[in-house]
Amino acid sequence: MPPPSEPLPVALPPDPNTRPPGWTLPAGACDSHFHVFGPPDRFPYAATRRYEPPAAPIEHYWKVQEITGLARAMVVQPTVHGTDHAAIVDAIARSDGRLLGVACIDQEMTDADLAALKAAGIRAGRFSLMSDRAGSRDAMARQIDRIVRLDWSLVLHIEPRFLLAHEDFIRGLPVPTVIDHMARIDPREGLDQPAFRLLLDLLADARFWTKICCVDKISAAPRAQVADGPPFADVVPFAKAVIEAAPDRVIWGSDWPHGNTFTPGRTPNQGDRLDQLGVMVPDAATRRAILVDNPARLYGFSRGRT
């Protein structure tokens, strides 16, 4: 792989000292969003990557699971690997049924390529409508029929202004659709901001789901730890609102290893993230829905496996 023409920004590594949360996760708890990066000597990064991440191999994530009590997970194709899914397919193959995956697909991939990904454990396609990366509504629209034929769900990573601009298109999506990271809302704009009102309205439709994830990047808090609550506490009211709107269609993700993070103090510990989930969801039955029942229903994890 040729070196990039200019030096890329280098992302921070994950917190190496994962601590257990202060509460016991239910059996079969699922992290619905994490990534693996490389290691690049086995799984090279794409020449089109926007930043340089440290290696974050699957073996490191399994240690996170062991410490926190997470049993299952959805491994999401990161942009640094482009559409080469070898790293996540390898992780799924070695997981003994504990992992399934989310792919990033484009027009260059054949139907045979997608069939192979489905056979390897991919259960959804992810698309971005974001100002900092490639992706367009038209490019996504060209893939919808293939998503339908594969019987996959769709993960939509989208910014508030694009959610509002493409409302009609999004409402017409014919497959179960997860609005990633609560549509990257800005907590400073309040619960009544138009994009968040739209997200709640979408959640009134049984086709739409959302994912509590990426709170360290959504948060407007100036530092990770705040005096009056858990890390990134300004996101908590938004999470509570989506859970109230659709407790049977909310899932949770760690976003480990938090790629595309460059500011010291912004990379969270997974124990803190799960403690924050405990604050968002004090009810044990609802926690179980978010961590176990909802992802099992959406992605098809076997109920017999933990």
Protein backbone atom coordinates (compact mmCIF):
# COMPACT_ATOMS: atom_id res chain seq x y z
CA MET A 1 0.00 0.00 0.00
CA PRO A 2 1.59 3.31 -1.02
CA PRO A 3 1.99 5.93 1.70
CA PRO A 4 -0.49 8.81 1.71
CA SER A 5 0.69 11.98 -0.02
CA GLU A 6 0.48 13.98 3.24
CA PRO A 7 0.74 12.87 6.87
CA LEU A 8 -2.59 11.75 8.30
CA PRO A 9 -3.84 12.72 11.77
CA VAL A 10 -3.09 9.95 14.24
CA ALA A 11 -5.97 8.79 16.42
CA LEU A 12 -5.60 8.07 20.12
CA PRO A 13 -5.65 4.46 21.33
CA PRO A 14 -8.45 3.08 23.51
CA ASP A 15 -8.14 3.19 27.28
CA PRO A 16 -5.95 0.14 28.03
CA ASN A 17 -7.27 -0.28 31.58
CA THR A 18 -10.86 -1.39 31.08
CA ARG A 19 -12.66 -1.62 34.39
CA PRO A 20 -15.83 -3.57 35.17
CA PRO A 21 -19.07 -1.61 35.48
CA GLY A 22 -20.70 -1.11 38.86
CA TRP A 23 -23.64 -3.35 37.94
CA THR A 24 -23.95 -6.87 36.55
CA LEU A 25 -24.88 -7.13 32.90
CA PRO A 26 -27.59 -9.63 31.96
CA ALA A 27 -26.54 -12.91 30.34
CA GLY A 28 -26.14 -12.49 26.60
CA ALA A 29 -25.54 -8.74 26.77
CA CYS A 30 -24.66 -7.37 23.32
CA ASP A 31 -22.42 -4.48 22.33
CA SER A 32 -24.13 -3.45 19.09
CA HIS A 33 -21.27 -1.31 17.75
CA PHE A 34 -17.52 -1.83 17.93
CA HIS A 35 -14.68 -1.89 15.42
CA VAL A 36 -11.45 -3.75 14.81
CA PHE A 37 -8.45 -2.02 13.23
CA GLY A 38 -5.96 -4.35 11.60
CA PRO A 39 -3.49 -5.30 12.80
CA PRO A 40 -2.28 -3.65 9.61
CA ASP A 41 0.43 -6.20 8.91
CA ARG A 42 -2.39 -8.75 8.42
CA PHE A 43 -5.24 -6.47 7.37
CA PRO A 44 -3.84 -3.34 5.70
CA TYR A 45 -5.59 -0.01 6.06
CA ALA A 46 -7.22 1.50 2.98
CA ALA A 47 -5.31 4.12 1.04
CA THR A 48 -8.47 6.25 1.22
CA ARG A 49 -8.50 6.39 5.04
CA ARG A 50 -8.98 9.80 6.66
CA TYR A 51 -6.81 9.16 9.74
CA GLU A 52 -4.23 6.72 11.09
CA PRO A 53 -5.56 4.53 13.92
CA PRO A 54 -3.45 2.41 16.24
CA ALA A 55 -3.96 -1.31 15.80
CA ALA A 56 -6.99 -2.58 17.70
CA PRO A 57 -7.16 -6.32 17.03
CA ILE A 58 -10.04 -8.56 18.01
CA GLU A 59 -8.01 -10.14 20.80
CA HIS A 60 -7.96 -6.79 22.62
CA TYR A 61 -11.72 -6.44 22.31
CA TRP A 62 -12.30 -9.92 23.71
CA LYS A 63 -10.46 -8.78 26.84
CA VAL A 64 -12.89 -5.83 27.08
CA GLN A 65 -15.79 -8.28 26.90
CA GLU A 66 -14.26 -10.49 29.55
CA ILE A 67 -13.85 -7.61 32.00
CA THR A 68 -17.21 -5.92 31.44
CA GLY A 69 -19.48 -8.94 31.05
CA LEU A 70 -20.45 -8.25 27.43
CA ALA A 71 -21.11 -11.57 25.72
CA ARG A 72 -22.09 -10.75 22.14
CA ALA A 73 -21.28 -7.94 19.74
CA MET A 74 -21.80 -6.46 16.30
CA VAL A 75 -18.48 -5.67 14.67
CA VAL A 76 -18.93 -2.70 12.33
CA GLN A 77 -16.74 -2.17 9.28
CA PRO A 78 -14.59 0.94 9.92
CA THR A 79 -13.81 3.48 7.21
CA VAL A 80 -10.08 2.87 7.63
CA HIS A 81 -10.58 -0.54 5.97
CA GLY A 82 -12.77 0.78 3.16
CA THR A 83 -14.80 -2.07 1.67
CA ASP A 84 -12.20 -4.75 2.43
CA HIS A 85 -14.04 -6.71 5.12
CA ALA A 86 -11.31 -9.28 5.79
CA ALA A 87 -10.62 -8.08 9.36
CA ILE A 88 -14.22 -8.24 10.56
CA VAL A 89 -14.90 -11.51 8.73
CA ASP A 90 -11.86 -13.01 10.47
CA ALA A 91 -13.11 -11.77 13.86
CA ILE A 92 -16.58 -13.25 13.29
CA ALA A 93 -15.14 -16.58 12.14
CA ARG A 94 -13.12 -16.92 15.35
CA SER A 95 -15.90 -15.83 17.72
CA ASP A 96 -17.82 -19.11 18.16
CA GLY A 97 -21.08 -17.38 17.30
CA ARG A 98 -20.58 -14.44 19.66
CA LEU A 99 -20.06 -11.90 16.87
CA LEU A 100 -22.04 -10.84 13.84
CA GLY A 101 -21.23 -7.92 11.58
CA VAL A 102 -22.23 -4.74 9.76
CA ALA A 103 -20.75 -4.12 6.31
CA CYS A 104 -20.02 -0.98 4.29
CA ILE A 105 -20.94 -1.73 0.69
CA ASP A 106 -20.81 0.07 -2.63
CA GLN A 107 -21.61 -0.42 -6.29
CA GLU A 108 -18.22 -2.01 -6.97
CA MET A 109 -19.13 -5.04 -4.86
CA THR A 110 -20.87 -7.84 -6.73
CA ASP A 111 -23.92 -9.76 -5.62
CA ALA A 112 -21.59 -12.72 -5.07
CA ASP A 113 -19.42 -10.58 -2.78
CA LEU A 114 -22.46 -9.67 -0.70
CA ALA A 115 -23.69 -13.26 -0.57
CA ALA A 116 -20.29 -14.27 0.79
CA LEU A 117 -20.50 -11.56 3.45
CA LYS A 118 -23.95 -12.78 4.49
CA ALA A 119 -22.64 -16.34 4.76
CA ALA A 120 -19.77 -15.02 6.89
CA GLY A 121 -22.15 -13.45 9.43
CA ILE A 122 -22.88 -9.96 8.11
CA ARG A 123 -26.41 -8.90 8.99
CA ALA A 124 -26.65 -5.22 8.00
CA GLY A 125 -25.31 -2.59 5.64
CA ARG A 126 -24.09 0.75 6.93
CA PHE A 127 -24.25 4.01 4.98
CA SER A 128 -23.16 7.53 5.87
CA LEU A 129 -24.65 10.93 5.16
CA MET A 130 -21.97 12.93 6.93
CA SER A 131 -20.00 16.04 6.03
CA ASP A 132 -16.62 14.51 6.94
CA ARG A 133 -16.68 11.41 4.72
CA ALA A 134 -17.84 9.98 1.42
CA GLY A 135 -21.47 9.00 0.99
CA SER A 136 -24.60 10.28 -0.70
CA ARG A 137 -28.30 9.59 -0.75
CA ASP A 138 -28.08 8.45 -4.38
CA ALA A 139 -25.27 6.01 -3.63
CA MET A 140 -27.30 4.54 -0.78
CA ALA A 141 -30.47 4.39 -2.88
CA ARG A 142 -28.69 2.24 -5.45
CA GLN A 143 -28.01 -0.38 -2.77
CA ILE A 144 -31.46 -0.59 -1.15
CA ASP A 145 -32.79 -3.36 -3.41
CA ARG A 146 -29.76 -5.47 -2.59
CA ILE A 147 -30.25 -4.87 1.15
CA VAL A 148 -33.84 -6.07 0.75
CA ARG A 149 -32.80 -9.22 -1.13
CA LEU A 150 -30.20 -10.05 1.50
CA ASP A 151 -32.81 -9.64 4.27
CA TRP A 152 -30.44 -7.24 6.03
CA SER A 153 -31.27 -4.21 8.11
CA LEU A 154 -29.74 -0.82 7.39
CA VAL A 155 -27.58 1.33 9.66
CA LEU A 156 -27.74 5.02 8.79
CA HIS A 157 -24.92 7.22 10.12
CA ILE A 158 -26.26 10.71 9.65
CA GLU A 159 -25.85 14.27 10.89
CA PRO A 160 -28.84 16.34 12.05
CA ARG A 161 -28.90 18.63 9.01
CA PHE A 162 -28.93 15.66 6.64
CA LEU A 163 -31.62 13.90 8.67
CA LEU A 164 -33.82 16.94 8.18
CA ALA A 165 -32.91 17.44 4.52
CA HIS A 166 -33.59 13.81 3.55
CA GLU A 167 -36.63 13.15 5.74
CA ASP A 168 -38.88 11.99 2.89
CA PHE A 169 -36.25 9.59 1.56
CA ILE A 170 -35.59 8.15 5.02
CA ARG A 171 -39.28 7.67 5.74
CA GLY A 172 -39.50 5.64 2.53
CA LEU A 173 -36.78 3.15 3.43
CA PRO A 174 -38.32 -0.32 3.10
CA VAL A 175 -36.12 -2.16 5.63
CA PRO A 176 -35.55 -1.98 9.40
CA THR A 177 -33.29 1.05 9.81
CA VAL A 178 -31.08 1.97 12.77
CA ILE A 179 -30.40 5.69 13.07
CA ASP A 180 -26.82 5.51 14.26
CA HIS A 181 -25.60 7.42 17.33
CA MET A 182 -29.01 9.10 17.87
CA ALA A 183 -28.39 11.05 14.63
CA ARG A 184 -25.32 12.75 16.13
CA ILE A 185 -27.55 15.33 17.80
CA ASP A 186 -25.94 18.37 19.46
CA PRO A 187 -26.87 18.42 23.17
CA ARG A 188 -26.44 22.19 23.24
CA GLU A 189 -29.49 22.54 20.97
CA GLY A 190 -31.79 20.92 23.53
CA LEU A 191 -34.42 18.22 23.44
CA ASP A 192 -36.70 20.37 21.28
CA GLN A 193 -34.25 20.76 18.38
CA PRO A 194 -35.88 19.86 15.04
CA ALA A 195 -33.59 16.91 14.24
CA PHE A 196 -34.23 15.27 17.59
CA ARG A 197 -37.97 15.82 17.31
CA LEU A 198 -37.77 14.13 13.92
CA LEU A 199 -35.83 11.21 15.36
CA LEU A 200 -38.50 10.69 18.03
CA ASP A 201 -41.19 10.88 15.35
CA LEU A 202 -39.40 8.27 13.25
CA LEU A 203 -39.28 6.00 16.30
CA ALA A 204 -43.09 5.97 16.29
CA ASP A 205 -42.75 3.81 13.15
CA ALA A 206 -41.82 0.18 13.86
CA ARG A 207 -39.29 0.17 11.01
CA PHE A 208 -36.99 2.61 12.82
CA TRP A 209 -34.52 1.95 15.59
CA THR A 210 -31.75 4.00 17.16
CA LYS A 211 -28.43 3.25 18.79
CA ILE A 212 -27.06 4.86 21.95
CA CYS A 213 -23.42 5.05 21.00
CA CYS A 214 -20.58 7.46 20.32
CA VAL A 215 -21.59 9.65 23.27
CA ASP A 216 -18.01 10.87 23.72
CA LYS A 217 -18.18 12.40 20.24
CA ILE A 218 -21.74 13.68 20.57
CA SER A 219 -21.15 15.30 23.96
CA ALA A 220 -20.43 19.02 24.19
CA ALA A 221 -18.88 18.57 27.64
CA PRO A 222 -15.38 20.10 27.68
CA ARG A 223 -13.83 17.06 29.35
CA ALA A 224 -14.63 13.42 29.92
CA GLN A 225 -15.31 13.58 33.65
CA VAL A 226 -17.92 16.04 34.91
CA ALA A 227 -18.65 16.86 38.51
CA ASP A 228 -22.41 16.27 38.55
CA GLY A 229 -22.80 12.92 36.84
CA PRO A 230 -21.27 10.23 34.64
CA PRO A 231 -18.89 11.06 31.79
CA PHE A 232 -20.55 12.96 28.93
CA ALA A 233 -23.67 13.43 31.07
CA ASP A 234 -25.20 16.00 28.71
CA VAL A 235 -26.20 13.14 26.40
CA VAL A 236 -28.18 11.30 29.11
CA PRO A 237 -31.51 13.20 28.64
CA PHE A 238 -31.51 12.40 24.93
CA ALA A 239 -30.92 8.71 25.57
CA LYS A 240 -33.72 8.65 28.12
CA ALA A 241 -36.05 10.26 25.59
CA VAL A 242 -35.40 7.70 22.84
CA ILE A 243 -35.76 4.85 25.32
CA GLU A 244 -39.09 6.23 26.46
CA ALA A 245 -40.18 6.54 22.82
CA ALA A 246 -39.21 3.02 21.71
CA PRO A 247 -37.77 0.79 24.46
CA ASP A 248 -38.11 -2.24 22.16
CA ARG A 249 -36.09 -0.60 19.35
CA VAL A 250 -33.12 0.94 21.12
CA ILE A 251 -29.73 -0.78 21.16
CA TRP A 252 -26.42 0.21 22.75
CA GLY A 253 -22.87 0.29 21.42
CA SER A 254 -19.48 0.95 22.99
CA ASP A 255 -17.83 2.33 19.80
CA TRP A 256 -14.60 0.67 21.00
CA PRO A 257 -11.77 1.51 20.22
CA HIS A 258 -13.15 5.03 19.62
CA GLY A 259 -11.31 5.68 16.38
CA ASN A 260 -11.21 9.20 15.01
CA THR A 261 -10.56 10.55 18.53
CA PHE A 262 -7.71 13.05 18.76
CA THR A 263 -8.31 15.03 21.98
CA PRO A 264 -6.74 13.70 25.19
CA GLY A 265 -9.36 13.02 27.84
CA ARG A 266 -12.11 12.21 25.34
CA THR A 267 -11.53 8.47 25.04
CA PRO A 268 -13.88 6.75 27.49
CA ASN A 269 -13.41 3.67 29.62
CA GLN A 270 -15.91 0.93 28.84
CA GLY A 271 -16.78 0.55 32.52
CA ASP A 272 -17.72 4.23 32.61
CA ARG A 273 -19.79 3.83 29.44
CA LEU A 274 -21.76 0.97 30.96
CA ASP A 275 -22.19 2.85 34.24
CA GLN A 276 -23.61 5.69 32.16
CA LEU A 277 -26.05 3.24 30.59
CA GLY A 278 -27.10 2.31 34.10
CA VAL A 279 -27.93 5.97 34.77
CA MET A 280 -29.84 6.22 31.50
CA VAL A 281 -31.74 3.01 32.23
CA PRO A 282 -32.33 2.36 35.95
CA ASP A 283 -34.90 -0.37 35.22
CA ALA A 284 -33.37 -3.86 34.91
CA ALA A 285 -36.01 -5.13 32.48
CA THR A 286 -35.38 -2.23 30.09
CA ARG A 287 -31.62 -2.75 30.36
CA ARG A 288 -32.16 -6.35 29.35
CA ALA A 289 -34.26 -5.27 26.38
CA ILE A 290 -31.58 -2.86 25.15
CA LEU A 291 -28.64 -5.20 25.72
CA VAL A 292 -30.15 -8.63 25.01
CA ASP A 293 -33.62 -8.86 23.52
CA ASN A 294 -33.54 -5.98 21.02
CA PRO A 295 -30.22 -6.85 19.33
CA ALA A 296 -31.12 -10.55 19.33
CA ARG A 297 -34.36 -9.76 17.51
CA LEU A 298 -32.79 -7.31 15.06
CA TYR A 299 -29.66 -9.26 14.19
CA GLY A 300 -30.65 -12.87 14.83
CA PHE A 301 -28.27 -13.95 17.55
CA SER A 302 -29.07 -17.46 18.73
CA ARG A 303 -30.76 -17.30 22.13
CA GLY A 304 -28.86 -20.41 23.16
CA ARG A 305 -25.49 -18.72 22.94
CA THR A 306 -23.98 -16.40 25.52
